[in-house]
Amino acid sequence: MTQGLPTDPGPANCGRPRQSIVAALARAYLDFAGDHPAVYEAMFAQPIGARFAEEGNEPELRGAFTVLAEVIGDDTAAEVFWSALHGMSLLEAAGRMKVEDRSRRIGELTARFP
């Protein structure tokens, strides 16, 4: 899930506005959820007794959350951002939100994480 996410501070992201990186991260997350619904559901369907933000978790478990925290800035803000994306992905999958309106929702969300 972390492949292609815009967290690399290398040449591709140098000078890129932070808000555009946050928006790209949101698009990548929602695209993954939409493109791989069975995998996305499996990631969250079974209780595992671990939180994503906890130190000491398996690297695979913490990996995607670490990407969010690095871009957003801290674990608590990343949890808020992630929960919003998770909610959007579930609502889109259930047909309660139009996928065509995703860009506007991403704009609203990223405006809150400048």
PDB file of N, CA and C in Angstrom:
ATOM      1  N   MET A   1       0.814  -1.195   0.000  1.00  0.00           N
ATOM      2  CA  MET A   1       0.000   0.000   0.000  1.00  0.00           C
ATOM      3  C   MET A   1       0.855   1.256   0.000  1.00  0.00           C
ATOM      4  N   THR A   2       2.077   1.171   0.440  1.00  0.00           N
ATOM      5  CA  THR A   2       2.906   2.368   0.522  1.00  0.00           C
ATOM      6  C   THR A   2       3.658   2.661  -0.764  1.00  0.00           C
ATOM      7  N   GLN A   3       3.638   1.755  -1.734  1.00  0.00           N
ATOM      8  CA  GLN A   3       4.352   1.999  -2.974  1.00  0.00           C
ATOM      9  C   GLN A   3       3.786   3.212  -3.683  1.00  0.00           C
ATOM     10  N   GLY A   4       4.685   4.076  -4.131  1.00  0.00           N
ATOM     11  CA  GLY A   4       4.265   5.234  -4.895  1.00  0.00           C
ATOM     12  C   GLY A   4       3.746   6.400  -4.080  1.00  0.00           C
ATOM     13  N   LEU A   5       3.768   6.293  -2.769  1.00  0.00           N
ATOM     14  CA  LEU A   5       3.286   7.406  -1.953  1.00  0.00           C
ATOM     15  C   LEU A   5       4.341   8.495  -1.910  1.00  0.00           C
ATOM     16  N   PRO A   6       3.939   9.744  -1.877  1.00  0.00           N
ATOM     17  CA  PRO A   6       4.843  10.880  -2.024  1.00  0.00           C
ATOM     18  C   PRO A   6       5.542  11.289  -0.732  1.00  0.00           C
ATOM     19  N   THR A   7       6.301  10.386  -0.126  1.00  0.00           N
ATOM     20  CA  THR A   7       6.986  10.745   1.114  1.00  0.00           C
ATOM     21  C   THR A   7       8.474  10.968   0.906  1.00  0.00           C
ATOM     22  N   ASP A   8       8.982  10.633  -0.248  1.00  0.00           N
ATOM     23  CA  ASP A   8      10.402  10.770  -0.523  1.00  0.00           C
ATOM     24  C   ASP A   8      10.758  12.245  -0.655  1.00  0.00           C
ATOM     25  N   PRO A   9      11.726  12.723   0.141  1.00  0.00           N
ATOM     26  CA  PRO A   9      12.115  14.124   0.032  1.00  0.00           C
ATOM     27  C   PRO A   9      13.044  14.387  -1.147  1.00  0.00           C
ATOM     28  N   GLY A  10      13.210  13.426  -2.026  1.00  0.00           N
ATOM     29  CA  GLY A  10      14.119  13.524  -3.159  1.00  0.00           C
ATOM     30  C   GLY A  10      13.675  14.531  -4.204  1.00  0.00           C
ATOM     31  N   PRO A  11      14.335  14.498  -5.367  1.00  0.00           N
ATOM     32  CA  PRO A  11      14.111  15.500  -6.405  1.00  0.00           C
ATOM     33  C   PRO A  11      12.657  15.666  -6.831  1.00  0.00           C
ATOM     34  N   ALA A  12      11.890  14.590  -6.875  1.00  0.00           N
ATOM     35  CA  ALA A  12      10.502  14.692  -7.337  1.00  0.00           C
ATOM     36  C   ALA A  12       9.651  15.557  -6.420  1.00  0.00           C
ATOM     37  N   ASN A  13       9.991  15.609  -5.140  1.00  0.00           N
ATOM     38  CA  ASN A  13       9.180  16.371  -4.191  1.00  0.00           C
ATOM     39  C   ASN A  13       9.852  17.642  -3.697  1.00  0.00           C
ATOM     40  N   CYS A  14      11.087  17.904  -4.091  1.00  0.00           N
ATOM     41  CA  CYS A  14      11.767  19.121  -3.660  1.00  0.00           C
ATOM     42  C   CYS A  14      10.999  20.339  -4.162  1.00  0.00           C
ATOM     43  N   GLY A  15      10.694  21.223  -3.271  1.00  0.00           N
ATOM     44  CA  GLY A  15       9.987  22.436  -3.629  1.00  0.00           C
ATOM     45  C   GLY A  15       8.502  22.242  -3.883  1.00  0.00           C
ATOM     46  N   ARG A  16       8.047  21.045  -3.778  1.00  0.00           N
ATOM     47  CA  ARG A  16       6.621  20.768  -3.990  1.00  0.00           C
ATOM     48  C   ARG A  16       5.855  21.244  -2.764  1.00  0.00           C
ATOM     49  N   PRO A  17       4.767  21.983  -2.951  1.00  0.00           N
ATOM     50  CA  PRO A  17       3.995  22.448  -1.796  1.00  0.00           C
ATOM     51  C   PRO A  17       3.512  21.277  -0.947  1.00  0.00           C
ATOM     52  N   ARG A  18       3.625  21.438   0.359  1.00  0.00           N
ATOM     53  CA  ARG A  18       3.248  20.368   1.282  1.00  0.00           C
ATOM     54  C   ARG A  18       1.806  19.929   1.072  1.00  0.00           C
ATOM     55  N   GLN A  19       0.917  20.876   0.827  1.00  0.00           N
ATOM     56  CA  GLN A  19      -0.490  20.527   0.657  1.00  0.00           C
ATOM     57  C   GLN A  19      -0.695  19.626  -0.563  1.00  0.00           C
ATOM     58  N   SER A  20       0.103  19.803  -1.606  1.00  0.00           N
ATOM     59  CA  SER A  20      -0.039  18.925  -2.773  1.00  0.00           C
ATOM     60  C   SER A  20       0.461  17.520  -2.455  1.00  0.00           C
ATOM     61  N   ILE A  21       1.441  17.409  -1.569  1.00  0.00           N
ATOM     62  CA  ILE A  21       1.916  16.093  -1.136  1.00  0.00           C
ATOM     63  C   ILE A  21       0.841  15.408  -0.298  1.00  0.00           C
ATOM     64  N   VAL A  22       0.203  16.161   0.596  1.00  0.00           N
ATOM     65  CA  VAL A  22      -0.879  15.609   1.420  1.00  0.00           C
ATOM     66  C   VAL A  22      -2.027  15.153   0.520  1.00  0.00           C
ATOM     67  N   ALA A  23      -2.372  15.940  -0.488  1.00  0.00           N
ATOM     68  CA  ALA A  23      -3.450  15.569  -1.413  1.00  0.00           C
ATOM     69  C   ALA A  23      -3.082  14.317  -2.203  1.00  0.00           C
ATOM     70  N   ALA A  24      -1.830  14.219  -2.636  1.00  0.00           N
ATOM     71  CA  ALA A  24      -1.388  13.026  -3.371  1.00  0.00           C
ATOM     72  C   ALA A  24      -1.458  11.788  -2.487  1.00  0.00           C
ATOM     73  N   LEU A  25      -1.108  11.947  -1.227  1.00  0.00           N
ATOM     74  CA  LEU A  25      -1.200  10.838  -0.279  1.00  0.00           C
ATOM     75  C   LEU A  25      -2.655  10.402  -0.112  1.00  0.00           C
ATOM     76  N   ALA A  26      -3.558  11.358   0.018  1.00  0.00           N
ATOM     77  CA  ALA A  26      -4.983  11.042   0.159  1.00  0.00           C
ATOM     78  C   ALA A  26      -5.500  10.316  -1.082  1.00  0.00           C
ATOM     79  N   ARG A  27      -5.122  10.811  -2.264  1.00  0.00           N
ATOM     80  CA  ARG A  27      -5.550  10.147  -3.504  1.00  0.00           C
ATOM     81  C   ARG A  27      -5.010   8.725  -3.578  1.00  0.00           C
ATOM     82  N   ALA A  28      -3.743   8.539  -3.219  1.00  0.00           N
ATOM     83  CA  ALA A  28      -3.143   7.200  -3.269  1.00  0.00           C
ATOM     84  C   ALA A  28      -3.859   6.247  -2.320  1.00  0.00           C
ATOM     85  N   TYR A  29      -4.181   6.716  -1.127  1.00  0.00           N
ATOM     86  CA  TYR A  29      -4.881   5.886  -0.140  1.00  0.00           C
ATOM     87  C   TYR A  29      -6.251   5.471  -0.676  1.00  0.00           C
ATOM     88  N   LEU A  30      -7.022   6.447  -1.150  1.00  0.00           N
ATOM     89  CA  LEU A  30      -8.370   6.163  -1.632  1.00  0.00           C
ATOM     90  C   LEU A  30      -8.347   5.336  -2.918  1.00  0.00           C
ATOM     91  N   ASP A  31      -7.360   5.584  -3.773  1.00  0.00           N
ATOM     92  CA  ASP A  31      -7.222   4.765  -4.981  1.00  0.00           C
ATOM     93  C   ASP A  31      -6.938   3.312  -4.617  1.00  0.00           C
ATOM     94  N   PHE A  32      -6.040   3.099  -3.648  1.00  0.00           N
ATOM     95  CA  PHE A  32      -5.735   1.732  -3.221  1.00  0.00           C
ATOM     96  C   PHE A  32      -6.992   1.048  -2.702  1.00  0.00           C
ATOM     97  N   ALA A  33      -7.733   1.730  -1.850  1.00  0.00           N
ATOM     98  CA  ALA A  33      -8.957   1.145  -1.287  1.00  0.00           C
ATOM     99  C   ALA A  33      -9.954   0.801  -2.390  1.00  0.00           C
ATOM    100  N   GLY A  34     -10.079   1.667  -3.381  1.00  0.00           N
ATOM    101  CA  GLY A  34     -11.010   1.419  -4.476  1.00  0.00           C
ATOM    102  C   GLY A  34     -10.534   0.365  -5.456  1.00  0.00           C
ATOM    103  N   ASP A  35      -9.219   0.328  -5.697  1.00  0.00           N
ATOM    104  CA  ASP A  35      -8.656  -0.622  -6.661  1.00  0.00           C
ATOM    105  C   ASP A  35      -8.492  -2.026  -6.091  1.00  0.00           C
ATOM    106  N   HIS A  36      -8.374  -2.123  -4.769  1.00  0.00           N
ATOM    107  CA  HIS A  36      -8.136  -3.417  -4.109  1.00  0.00           C
ATOM    108  C   HIS A  36      -9.112  -3.602  -2.950  1.00  0.00           C
ATOM    109  N   PRO A  37     -10.406  -3.631  -3.217  1.00  0.00           N
ATOM    110  CA  PRO A  37     -11.381  -3.655  -2.120  1.00  0.00           C
ATOM    111  C   PRO A  37     -11.262  -4.867  -1.200  1.00  0.00           C
ATOM    112  N   ALA A  38     -10.951  -6.028  -1.735  1.00  0.00           N
ATOM    113  CA  ALA A  38     -10.841  -7.221  -0.882  1.00  0.00           C
ATOM    114  C   ALA A  38      -9.630  -7.120   0.040  1.00  0.00           C
ATOM    115  N   VAL A  39      -8.515  -6.642  -0.487  1.00  0.00           N
ATOM    116  CA  VAL A  39      -7.310  -6.475   0.338  1.00  0.00           C
ATOM    117  C   VAL A  39      -7.565  -5.412   1.398  1.00  0.00           C
ATOM    118  N   TYR A  40      -8.158  -4.292   0.985  1.00  0.00           N
ATOM    119  CA  TYR A  40      -8.437  -3.213   1.927  1.00  0.00           C
ATOM    120  C   TYR A  40      -9.361  -3.698   3.039  1.00  0.00           C
ATOM    121  N   GLU A  41     -10.410  -4.426   2.685  1.00  0.00           N
ATOM    122  CA  GLU A  41     -11.325  -4.946   3.699  1.00  0.00           C
ATOM    123  C   GLU A  41     -10.611  -5.907   4.640  1.00  0.00           C
ATOM    124  N   ALA A  42      -9.769  -6.772   4.087  1.00  0.00           N
ATOM    125  CA  ALA A  42      -9.039  -7.730   4.926  1.00  0.00           C
ATOM    126  C   ALA A  42      -8.106  -7.027   5.908  1.00  0.00           C
ATOM    127  N   MET A  43      -7.586  -5.877   5.525  1.00  0.00           N
ATOM    128  CA  MET A  43      -6.676  -5.137   6.401  1.00  0.00           C
ATOM    129  C   MET A  43      -7.367  -4.658   7.673  1.00  0.00           C
ATOM    130  N   PHE A  44      -8.681  -4.478   7.613  1.00  0.00           N
ATOM    131  CA  PHE A  44      -9.384  -3.885   8.745  1.00  0.00           C
ATOM    132  C   PHE A  44     -10.516  -4.737   9.303  1.00  0.00           C
ATOM    133  N   ALA A  45     -10.838  -5.845   8.663  1.00  0.00           N
ATOM    134  CA  ALA A  45     -12.004  -6.636   9.069  1.00  0.00           C
ATOM    135  C   ALA A  45     -11.783  -7.432  10.353  1.00  0.00           C
ATOM    136  N   GLN A  46     -10.595  -7.947  10.549  1.00  0.00           N
ATOM    137  CA  GLN A  46     -10.328  -8.788  11.709  1.00  0.00           C
ATOM    138  C   GLN A  46      -9.620  -7.993  12.808  1.00  0.00           C
ATOM    139  N   PRO A  47     -10.105  -8.081  14.041  1.00  0.00           N
ATOM    140  CA  PRO A  47      -9.396  -7.415  15.137  1.00  0.00           C
ATOM    141  C   PRO A  47      -8.044  -8.087  15.368  1.00  0.00           C
ATOM    142  N   ILE A  48      -7.022  -7.270  15.563  1.00  0.00           N
ATOM    143  CA  ILE A  48      -5.680  -7.823  15.744  1.00  0.00           C
ATOM    144  C   ILE A  48      -5.055  -7.436  17.076  1.00  0.00           C
ATOM    145  N   GLY A  49      -5.711  -6.615  17.842  1.00  0.00           N
ATOM    146  CA  GLY A  49      -5.188  -6.244  19.151  1.00  0.00           C
ATOM    147  C   GLY A  49      -3.997  -5.314  19.113  1.00  0.00           C
ATOM    148  N   ALA A  50      -3.834  -4.576  18.029  1.00  0.00           N
ATOM    149  CA  ALA A  50      -2.716  -3.631  17.929  1.00  0.00           C
ATOM    150  C   ALA A  50      -3.216  -2.349  17.286  1.00  0.00           C
ATOM    151  N   ARG A  51      -2.609  -1.247  17.703  1.00  0.00           N
ATOM    152  CA  ARG A  51      -2.910   0.048  17.091  1.00  0.00           C
ATOM    153  C   ARG A  51      -1.810   0.367  16.107  1.00  0.00           C
ATOM    154  N   PHE A  52      -2.152   1.088  15.055  1.00  0.00           N
ATOM    155  CA  PHE A  52      -1.165   1.397  14.031  1.00  0.00           C
ATOM    156  C   PHE A  52      -0.067   2.321  14.532  1.00  0.00           C
ATOM    157  N   ALA A  53      -0.373   3.202  15.456  1.00  0.00           N
ATOM    158  CA  ALA A  53       0.608   4.199  15.885  1.00  0.00           C
ATOM    159  C   ALA A  53       1.530   3.713  16.996  1.00  0.00           C
ATOM    160  N   GLU A  54       1.388   2.485  17.454  1.00  0.00           N
ATOM    161  CA  GLU A  54       2.198   2.022  18.580  1.00  0.00           C
ATOM    162  C   GLU A  54       3.603   1.620  18.151  1.00  0.00           C
ATOM    163  N   GLU A  55       4.567   2.067  18.945  1.00  0.00           N
ATOM    164  CA  GLU A  55       5.943   1.636  18.743  1.00  0.00           C
ATOM    165  C   GLU A  55       6.016   0.147  19.050  1.00  0.00           C
ATOM    166  N   GLY A  56       6.919  -0.549  18.407  1.00  0.00           N
ATOM    167  CA  GLY A  56       7.106  -1.960  18.681  1.00  0.00           C
ATOM    168  C   GLY A  56       6.226  -2.879  17.861  1.00  0.00           C
ATOM    169  N   ASN A  57       5.291  -2.327  17.088  1.00  0.00           N
ATOM    170  CA  ASN A  57       4.488  -3.165  16.197  1.00  0.00           C
ATOM    171  C   ASN A  57       5.366  -3.717  15.084  1.00  0.00           C
ATOM    172  N   GLU A  58       4.875  -4.746  14.440  1.00  0.00           N
ATOM    173  CA  GLU A  58       5.573  -5.303  13.282  1.00  0.00           C
ATOM    174  C   GLU A  58       5.779  -4.201  12.241  1.00  0.00           C
ATOM    175  N   PRO A  59       6.926  -4.206  11.556  1.00  0.00           N
ATOM    176  CA  PRO A  59       7.191  -3.158  10.562  1.00  0.00           C
ATOM    177  C   PRO A  59       6.098  -3.046   9.500  1.00  0.00           C
ATOM    178  N   GLU A  60       5.544  -4.176   9.080  1.00  0.00           N
ATOM    179  CA  GLU A  60       4.499  -4.137   8.056  1.00  0.00           C
ATOM    180  C   GLU A  60       3.248  -3.429   8.565  1.00  0.00           C
ATOM    181  N   LEU A  61       2.953  -3.602   9.834  1.00  0.00           N
ATOM    182  CA  LEU A  61       1.775  -2.975  10.421  1.00  0.00           C
ATOM    183  C   LEU A  61       1.975  -1.471  10.562  1.00  0.00           C
ATOM    184  N   ARG A  62       3.156  -1.093  10.992  1.00  0.00           N
ATOM    185  CA  ARG A  62       3.427   0.319  11.223  1.00  0.00           C
ATOM    186  C   ARG A  62       3.764   1.079   9.941  1.00  0.00           C
ATOM    187  N   GLY A  63       4.205   0.381   8.913  1.00  0.00           N
ATOM    188  CA  GLY A  63       4.709   1.017   7.698  1.00  0.00           C
ATOM    189  C   GLY A  63       3.797   2.053   7.077  1.00  0.00           C
ATOM    190  N   ALA A  64       2.565   1.669   6.788  1.00  0.00           N
ATOM    191  CA  ALA A  64       1.645   2.608   6.138  1.00  0.00           C
ATOM    192  C   ALA A  64       1.315   3.776   7.056  1.00  0.00           C
ATOM    193  N   PHE A  65       1.167   3.494   8.349  1.00  0.00           N
ATOM    194  CA  PHE A  65       0.875   4.588   9.273  1.00  0.00           C
ATOM    195  C   PHE A  65       2.064   5.535   9.373  1.00  0.00           C
ATOM    196  N   THR A  66       3.272   5.002   9.338  1.00  0.00           N
ATOM    197  CA  THR A  66       4.473   5.836   9.409  1.00  0.00           C
ATOM    198  C   THR A  66       4.507   6.816   8.241  1.00  0.00           C
ATOM    199  N   VAL A  67       4.116   6.349   7.063  1.00  0.00           N
ATOM    200  CA  VAL A  67       4.057   7.240   5.899  1.00  0.00           C
ATOM    201  C   VAL A  67       3.112   8.400   6.189  1.00  0.00           C
ATOM    202  N   LEU A  68       1.937   8.092   6.716  1.00  0.00           N
ATOM    203  CA  LEU A  68       0.983   9.154   7.061  1.00  0.00           C
ATOM    204  C   LEU A  68       1.576  10.124   8.075  1.00  0.00           C
ATOM    205  N   ALA A  69       2.163   9.594   9.145  1.00  0.00           N
ATOM    206  CA  ALA A  69       2.704  10.445  10.208  1.00  0.00           C
ATOM    207  C   ALA A  69       3.838  11.325   9.698  1.00  0.00           C
ATOM    208  N   GLU A  70       4.674  10.786   8.812  1.00  0.00           N
ATOM    209  CA  GLU A  70       5.780  11.580   8.276  1.00  0.00           C
ATOM    210  C   GLU A  70       5.267  12.746   7.431  1.00  0.00           C
ATOM    211  N   VAL A  71       4.217  12.519   6.677  1.00  0.00           N
ATOM    212  CA  VAL A  71       3.674  13.578   5.824  1.00  0.00           C
ATOM    213  C   VAL A  71       2.852  14.571   6.639  1.00  0.00           C
ATOM    214  N   ILE A  72       2.006  14.072   7.527  1.00  0.00           N
ATOM    215  CA  ILE A  72       1.099  14.934   8.293  1.00  0.00           C
ATOM    216  C   ILE A  72       1.828  15.660   9.416  1.00  0.00           C
ATOM    217  N   GLY A  73       2.769  15.014  10.078  1.00  0.00           N
ATOM    218  CA  GLY A  73       3.560  15.721  11.073  1.00  0.00           C
ATOM    219  C   GLY A  73       3.605  15.112  12.450  1.00  0.00           C
ATOM    220  N   ASP A  74       2.558  14.469  12.903  1.00  0.00           N
ATOM    221  CA  ASP A  74       2.618  13.772  14.191  1.00  0.00           C
ATOM    222  C   ASP A  74       1.564  12.675  14.213  1.00  0.00           C
ATOM    223  N   ASP A  75       1.691  11.774  15.171  1.00  0.00           N
ATOM    224  CA  ASP A  75       0.819  10.599  15.216  1.00  0.00           C
ATOM    225  C   ASP A  75      -0.652  10.947  15.416  1.00  0.00           C
ATOM    226  N   THR A  76      -0.954  11.895  16.292  1.00  0.00           N
ATOM    227  CA  THR A  76      -2.359  12.221  16.556  1.00  0.00           C
ATOM    228  C   THR A  76      -3.019  12.834  15.328  1.00  0.00           C
ATOM    229  N   ALA A  77      -2.367  13.790  14.703  1.00  0.00           N
ATOM    230  CA  ALA A  77      -2.918  14.393  13.484  1.00  0.00           C
ATOM    231  C   ALA A  77      -3.030  13.349  12.376  1.00  0.00           C
ATOM    232  N   ALA A  78      -2.055  12.448  12.294  1.00  0.00           N
ATOM    233  CA  ALA A  78      -2.111  11.385  11.285  1.00  0.00           C
ATOM    234  C   ALA A  78      -3.286  10.451  11.534  1.00  0.00           C
ATOM    235  N   GLU A  79      -3.593  10.176  12.807  1.00  0.00           N
ATOM    236  CA  GLU A  79      -4.760   9.340  13.117  1.00  0.00           C
ATOM    237  C   GLU A  79      -6.055  10.017  12.661  1.00  0.00           C
ATOM    238  N   VAL A  80      -6.152  11.319  12.845  1.00  0.00           N
ATOM    239  CA  VAL A  80      -7.344  12.060  12.414  1.00  0.00           C
ATOM    240  C   VAL A  80      -7.452  12.023  10.885  1.00  0.00           C
ATOM    241  N   PHE A  81      -6.341  12.280  10.212  1.00  0.00           N
ATOM    242  CA  PHE A  81      -6.306  12.254   8.749  1.00  0.00           C
ATOM    243  C   PHE A  81      -6.664  10.861   8.237  1.00  0.00           C
ATOM    244  N   TRP A  82      -6.040   9.849   8.806  1.00  0.00           N
ATOM    245  CA  TRP A  82      -6.282   8.465   8.402  1.00  0.00           C
ATOM    246  C   TRP A  82      -7.741   8.073   8.623  1.00  0.00           C
ATOM    247  N   SER A  83      -8.298   8.451   9.765  1.00  0.00           N
ATOM    248  CA  SER A  83      -9.690   8.080  10.033  1.00  0.00           C
ATOM    249  C   SER A  83     -10.634   8.735   9.026  1.00  0.00           C
ATOM    250  N   ALA A  84     -10.327   9.956   8.610  1.00  0.00           N
ATOM    251  CA  ALA A  84     -11.146  10.613   7.587  1.00  0.00           C
ATOM    252  C   ALA A  84     -11.042   9.865   6.254  1.00  0.00           C
ATOM    253  N   LEU A  85      -9.828   9.488   5.872  1.00  0.00           N
ATOM    254  CA  LEU A  85      -9.646   8.731   4.631  1.00  0.00           C
ATOM    255  C   LEU A  85     -10.330   7.373   4.711  1.00  0.00           C
ATOM    256  N   HIS A  86     -10.199   6.726   5.847  1.00  0.00           N
ATOM    257  CA  HIS A  86     -10.820   5.410   6.036  1.00  0.00           C
ATOM    258  C   HIS A  86     -12.343   5.526   5.913  1.00  0.00           C
ATOM    259  N   GLY A  87     -12.899   6.532   6.542  1.00  0.00           N
ATOM    260  CA  GLY A  87     -14.337   6.750   6.435  1.00  0.00           C
ATOM    261  C   GLY A  87     -14.767   7.023   5.008  1.00  0.00           C
ATOM    262  N   MET A  88     -14.010   7.859   4.299  1.00  0.00           N
ATOM    263  CA  MET A  88     -14.336   8.136   2.902  1.00  0.00           C
ATOM    264  C   MET A  88     -14.272   6.870   2.063  1.00  0.00           C
ATOM    265  N   SER A  89     -13.239   6.056   2.292  1.00  0.00           N
ATOM    266  CA  SER A  89     -13.102   4.838   1.488  1.00  0.00           C
ATOM    267  C   SER A  89     -14.273   3.893   1.725  1.00  0.00           C
ATOM    268  N   LEU A  90     -14.705   3.758   2.974  1.00  0.00           N
ATOM    269  CA  LEU A  90     -15.839   2.884   3.279  1.00  0.00           C
ATOM    270  C   LEU A  90     -17.139   3.430   2.694  1.00  0.00           C
ATOM    271  N   LEU A  91     -17.336   4.726   2.795  1.00  0.00           N
ATOM    272  CA  LEU A  91     -18.550   5.337   2.258  1.00  0.00           C
ATOM    273  C   LEU A  91     -18.588   5.277   0.730  1.00  0.00           C
ATOM    274  N   GLU A  92     -17.438   5.446   0.091  1.00  0.00           N
ATOM    275  CA  GLU A  92     -17.387   5.293  -1.364  1.00  0.00           C
ATOM    276  C   GLU A  92     -17.694   3.854  -1.755  1.00  0.00           C
ATOM    277  N   ALA A  93     -17.094   2.899  -1.058  1.00  0.00           N
ATOM    278  CA  ALA A  93     -17.306   1.480  -1.372  1.00  0.00           C
ATOM    279  C   ALA A  93     -18.774   1.085  -1.211  1.00  0.00           C
ATOM    280  N   ALA A  94     -19.446   1.689  -0.249  1.00  0.00           N
ATOM    281  CA  ALA A  94     -20.856   1.382   0.003  1.00  0.00           C
ATOM    282  C   ALA A  94     -21.794   2.172  -0.912  1.00  0.00           C
ATOM    283  N   GLY A  95     -21.227   3.042  -1.746  1.00  0.00           N
ATOM    284  CA  GLY A  95     -22.043   3.844  -2.646  1.00  0.00           C
ATOM    285  C   GLY A  95     -22.698   5.041  -1.986  1.00  0.00           C
ATOM    286  N   ARG A  96     -22.278   5.369  -0.769  1.00  0.00           N
ATOM    287  CA  ARG A  96     -22.875   6.493  -0.048  1.00  0.00           C
ATOM    288  C   ARG A  96     -22.238   7.829  -0.434  1.00  0.00           C
ATOM    289  N   MET A  97     -21.046   7.772  -1.002  1.00  0.00           N
ATOM    290  CA  MET A  97     -20.374   8.959  -1.528  1.00  0.00           C
ATOM    291  C   MET A  97     -19.997   8.666  -2.973  1.00  0.00           C
ATOM    292  N   LYS A  98     -20.180   9.660  -3.832  1.00  0.00           N
ATOM    293  CA  LYS A  98     -19.831   9.496  -5.238  1.00  0.00           C
ATOM    294  C   LYS A  98     -18.317   9.593  -5.406  1.00  0.00           C
ATOM    295  N   VAL A  99     -17.749   8.618  -6.086  1.00  0.00           N
ATOM    296  CA  VAL A  99     -16.316   8.639  -6.367  1.00  0.00           C
ATOM    297  C   VAL A  99     -15.968   9.871  -7.207  1.00  0.00           C
ATOM    298  N   GLU A 100     -16.903  10.305  -8.055  1.00  0.00           N
ATOM    299  CA  GLU A 100     -16.659  11.480  -8.904  1.00  0.00           C
ATOM    300  C   GLU A 100     -16.409  12.748  -8.085  1.00  0.00           C
ATOM    301  N   ASP A 101     -16.893  12.785  -6.858  1.00  0.00           N
ATOM    302  CA  ASP A 101     -16.718  13.960  -5.998  1.00  0.00           C
ATOM    303  C   ASP A 101     -15.489  13.860  -5.096  1.00  0.00           C
ATOM    304  N   ARG A 102     -14.693  12.822  -5.288  1.00  0.00           N
ATOM    305  CA  ARG A 102     -13.536  12.583  -4.422  1.00  0.00           C
ATOM    306  C   ARG A 102     -12.579  13.767  -4.395  1.00  0.00           C
ATOM    307  N   SER A 103     -12.289  14.356  -5.542  1.00  0.00           N
ATOM    308  CA  SER A 103     -11.322  15.465  -5.589  1.00  0.00           C
ATOM    309  C   SER A 103     -11.754  16.624  -4.706  1.00  0.00           C
ATOM    310  N   ARG A 104     -13.038  16.931  -4.703  1.00  0.00           N
ATOM    311  CA  ARG A 104     -13.529  18.020  -3.842  1.00  0.00           C
ATOM    312  C   ARG A 104     -13.363  17.655  -2.372  1.00  0.00           C
ATOM    313  N   ARG A 105     -13.670  16.411  -2.023  1.00  0.00           N
ATOM    314  CA  ARG A 105     -13.506  15.987  -0.618  1.00  0.00           C
ATOM    315  C   ARG A 105     -12.036  16.018  -0.209  1.00  0.00           C
ATOM    316  N   ILE A 106     -11.164  15.583  -1.102  1.00  0.00           N
ATOM    317  CA  ILE A 106      -9.726  15.634  -0.802  1.00  0.00           C
ATOM    318  C   ILE A 106      -9.293  17.079  -0.601  1.00  0.00           C
ATOM    319  N   GLY A 107      -9.795  17.986  -1.413  1.00  0.00           N
ATOM    320  CA  GLY A 107      -9.480  19.406  -1.234  1.00  0.00           C
ATOM    321  C   GLY A 107      -9.915  19.919   0.123  1.00  0.00           C
ATOM    322  N   GLU A 108     -11.120  19.554   0.534  1.00  0.00           N
ATOM    323  CA  GLU A 108     -11.620  19.961   1.857  1.00  0.00           C
ATOM    324  C   GLU A 108     -10.762  19.378   2.971  1.00  0.00           C
ATOM    325  N   LEU A 109     -10.401  18.119   2.834  1.00  0.00           N
ATOM    326  CA  LEU A 109      -9.604  17.466   3.876  1.00  0.00           C
ATOM    327  C   LEU A 109      -8.201  18.050   3.953  1.00  0.00           C
ATOM    328  N   THR A 110      -7.537  18.191   2.823  1.00  0.00           N
ATOM    329  CA  THR A 110      -6.156  18.679   2.848  1.00  0.00           C
ATOM    330  C   THR A 110      -6.069  20.126   3.309  1.00  0.00           C
ATOM    331  N   ALA A 111      -7.128  20.903   3.122  1.00  0.00           N
ATOM    332  CA  ALA A 111      -7.129  22.286   3.614  1.00  0.00           C
ATOM    333  C   ALA A 111      -7.020  22.326   5.137  1.00  0.00           C
ATOM    334  N   ARG A 112      -7.393  21.254   5.785  1.00  0.00           N
ATOM    335  CA  ARG A 112      -7.335  21.193   7.249  1.00  0.00           C
ATOM    336  C   ARG A 112      -5.992  20.675   7.766  1.00  0.00           C
ATOM    337  N   PHE A 113      -5.115  20.289   6.842  1.00  0.00           N
ATOM    338  CA  PHE A 113      -3.787  19.800   7.209  1.00  0.00           C
ATOM    339  C   PHE A 113      -2.733  20.536   6.390  1.00  0.00           C
ATOM    340  N   PRO A 114      -2.630  21.861   6.587  1.00  0.00           N
ATOM    341  CA  PRO A 114      -1.696  22.663   5.771  1.00  0.00           C
ATOM    342  C   PRO A 114      -0.238  22.380   6.084  1.00  0.00           C
TER     343      PRO A 114
END
